[in-house]
Structures are given as C-alpha cells and as structure tokens.
Amino acid sequence: MRNVGSEIAVNITVEPFSIGDTLITCDVIDRLLPNGDTARLTSEMRREDDVRKPCLVGLDQLFQFELLPKRQSEQPPTPISLGFEDLIGRRYRISYLARYQQGINECKLEYKALARMN
C-alpha cells in the first residue's frame, strides 16, 4: 500500500473483501508518511476451513491464483474500500474497483470516490 497524498495517514484499514471463494481480511496499518511511503499489507485469507495468516500475497497474485481456472473476463470487478484518518482525527473512505487483467497479469484499481466520514 502506498500513500500518494501530501499528508500523513494513520489507522489505515482495508475493509474485508472477496475474490472468488476467498475472503481477505487485512490488518490495520498504523501510519504512512506523505508522498510515496509504502507498507506491506498482512492479511488473513479464508476459504471454507482453510485459514492462512499472516499472508503477504499481493493482489495481482491473489487474483491470478483465484481466477485462473475460470475466465477472468467474465468476473465482475471487485469493490475495495479503505479508511484512514489524518493527524487531527478526520476520517476518510476511498472506494476502488479492482479488475484483474489477464494479458498483463496485473490487478488494476479504478478510483471511484473519496468521502469524509466525520
């Protein structure tokens, strides 16, 4: 995850989401410094009774693994939302649509909205 903004982001959360039959629940990131700071997301991956944690698999690999046996072009985009706070406690939510592009084996995020929560 990368902070492309010009302010420090704290308490960054990614809402749980599903890819295929797998539910992904990400751990909270304490903070990201402005202008390009990055952090690796650790997450729990759950499919029926199979639970893997901590897991550092990137979205590209996860989409490829989950959707390879199927036709990716038939898969609807996956909504992904994340929340964060600034240093004075204002809360924000960003929404994306994630699509896996088979030809280049990458997951592309399409920005949908930014909303202030308080």
Protein backbone atom coordinates (compact mmCIF):
# COMPACT_ATOMS: atom_id res chain seq x y z
CA MET A 1 0.00 0.00 0.00
CA ARG A 2 1.26 3.47 -0.87
CA ASN A 3 0.39 6.95 0.41
CA VAL A 4 0.25 9.20 -2.65
CA GLY A 5 -1.14 12.14 -0.68
CA SER A 6 0.67 15.08 0.83
CA GLU A 7 -0.39 14.35 4.45
CA ILE A 8 0.35 11.62 6.98
CA ALA A 9 -2.34 8.91 7.02
CA VAL A 10 -2.96 6.94 10.23
CA ASN A 11 -5.08 3.93 11.22
CA ILE A 12 -5.40 2.74 7.63
CA THR A 13 -7.93 -0.08 7.26
CA VAL A 14 -8.94 -2.10 4.23
CA GLU A 15 -12.48 -3.41 4.52
CA PRO A 16 -12.77 -7.21 4.12
CA PHE A 17 -13.40 -8.25 0.51
CA SER A 18 -13.76 -11.44 -1.50
CA ILE A 19 -12.03 -12.71 -4.61
CA GLY A 20 -13.63 -15.85 -5.90
CA ASP A 21 -14.23 -18.11 -2.90
CA THR A 22 -11.58 -16.43 -0.72
CA LEU A 23 -12.36 -13.80 1.94
CA ILE A 24 -9.47 -11.41 2.61
CA THR A 25 -9.27 -9.51 5.90
CA CYS A 26 -6.33 -7.10 6.15
CA ASP A 27 -4.55 -5.93 9.28
CA VAL A 28 -4.51 -2.23 10.20
CA ILE A 29 -1.53 -0.14 9.08
CA ASP A 30 -0.56 2.31 11.82
CA ARG A 31 0.69 5.13 9.59
CA LEU A 32 2.01 6.09 6.19
CA LEU A 33 4.13 9.17 5.68
CA PRO A 34 3.23 11.52 2.80
CA ASN A 35 4.34 11.38 -0.83
CA GLY A 36 5.02 7.73 -1.52
CA ASP A 37 5.60 5.93 1.78
CA THR A 38 4.71 2.24 1.42
CA ALA A 39 3.76 -0.63 3.72
CA ARG A 40 3.16 -4.33 3.10
CA LEU A 41 -0.36 -5.48 3.87
CA THR A 42 -0.62 -8.55 6.05
CA SER A 43 -3.91 -10.32 5.83
CA GLU A 44 -5.92 -13.38 6.65
CA MET A 45 -7.14 -15.44 3.72
CA ARG A 46 -10.09 -17.71 4.43
CA ARG A 47 -11.69 -20.28 2.14
CA GLU A 48 -14.11 -22.59 3.98
CA ASP A 49 -11.97 -24.26 6.71
CA ASP A 50 -8.63 -23.22 5.17
CA VAL A 51 -7.31 -20.13 7.01
CA ARG A 52 -3.92 -18.58 6.23
CA LYS A 53 -2.44 -15.81 8.35
CA PRO A 54 -0.34 -13.77 8.15
CA CYS A 55 -0.26 -13.65 4.41
CA LEU A 56 1.68 -11.19 2.26
CA VAL A 57 0.34 -12.28 -1.13
CA GLY A 58 -0.21 -9.26 -3.37
CA LEU A 59 -3.49 -8.54 -5.12
CA ASP A 60 -2.05 -9.46 -8.53
CA GLN A 61 -1.05 -12.95 -7.38
CA LEU A 62 -4.26 -13.46 -5.43
CA PHE A 63 -6.48 -12.57 -8.38
CA GLN A 64 -4.37 -14.72 -10.70
CA PHE A 65 -4.49 -17.72 -8.34
CA GLU A 66 -8.20 -17.43 -7.57
CA LEU A 67 -9.46 -16.73 -11.06
CA LEU A 68 -7.06 -18.68 -13.30
CA PRO A 69 -9.24 -21.79 -13.60
CA LYS A 70 -12.15 -19.57 -14.61
CA ARG A 71 -12.42 -16.99 -17.33
CA GLN A 72 -11.25 -13.71 -15.82
CA SER A 73 -13.06 -11.71 -18.48
CA GLU A 74 -16.35 -12.96 -17.04
CA GLN A 75 -15.50 -11.87 -13.49
CA PRO A 76 -17.18 -8.70 -12.25
CA PRO A 77 -14.92 -6.02 -10.75
CA THR A 78 -14.19 -6.39 -7.03
CA PRO A 79 -15.12 -3.37 -4.86
CA ILE A 80 -12.38 -2.47 -2.38
CA SER A 81 -12.71 0.29 0.23
CA LEU A 82 -10.17 1.64 2.64
CA GLY A 83 -10.45 4.08 5.51
CA PHE A 84 -7.87 6.31 7.12
CA GLU A 85 -7.50 9.29 9.45
CA ASP A 86 -5.40 12.42 9.27
CA LEU A 87 -3.41 13.69 12.26
CA ILE A 88 -6.30 15.73 13.64
CA GLY A 89 -8.74 12.82 13.59
CA ARG A 90 -10.74 13.47 10.42
CA ARG A 91 -11.83 10.15 8.93
CA TYR A 92 -11.96 9.38 5.19
CA ARG A 93 -13.03 6.46 2.99
CA ILE A 94 -11.73 5.74 -0.52
CA SER A 95 -13.55 3.34 -2.85
CA TYR A 96 -11.99 1.45 -5.77
CA LEU A 97 -12.99 -1.21 -8.26
CA ALA A 98 -10.30 -3.85 -8.78
CA ARG A 99 -10.07 -5.70 -12.08
CA TYR A 100 -7.58 -8.38 -12.93
CA GLN A 101 -6.15 -8.00 -16.44
CA GLN A 102 -5.15 -11.42 -17.67
CA GLY A 103 -2.95 -10.35 -20.58
CA ILE A 104 -0.59 -8.37 -18.36
CA ASN A 105 -1.20 -10.39 -15.16
CA GLU A 106 -1.90 -7.28 -13.09
CA CYS A 107 -4.66 -6.04 -10.90
CA LYS A 108 -5.75 -2.52 -11.82
CA LEU A 109 -7.54 -0.30 -9.31
CA GLU A 110 -10.04 2.19 -10.67
CA TYR A 111 -10.64 5.10 -8.28
CA LYS A 112 -14.36 5.61 -7.61
CA ALA A 113 -14.81 8.03 -4.68
CA LEU A 114 -13.30 9.79 -1.67
CA ALA A 115 -15.65 10.67 1.18
CA ARG A 116 -15.07 12.40 4.51
CA MET A 117 -16.72 10.36 7.25
CA ASN A 118 -16.93 12.95 10.09
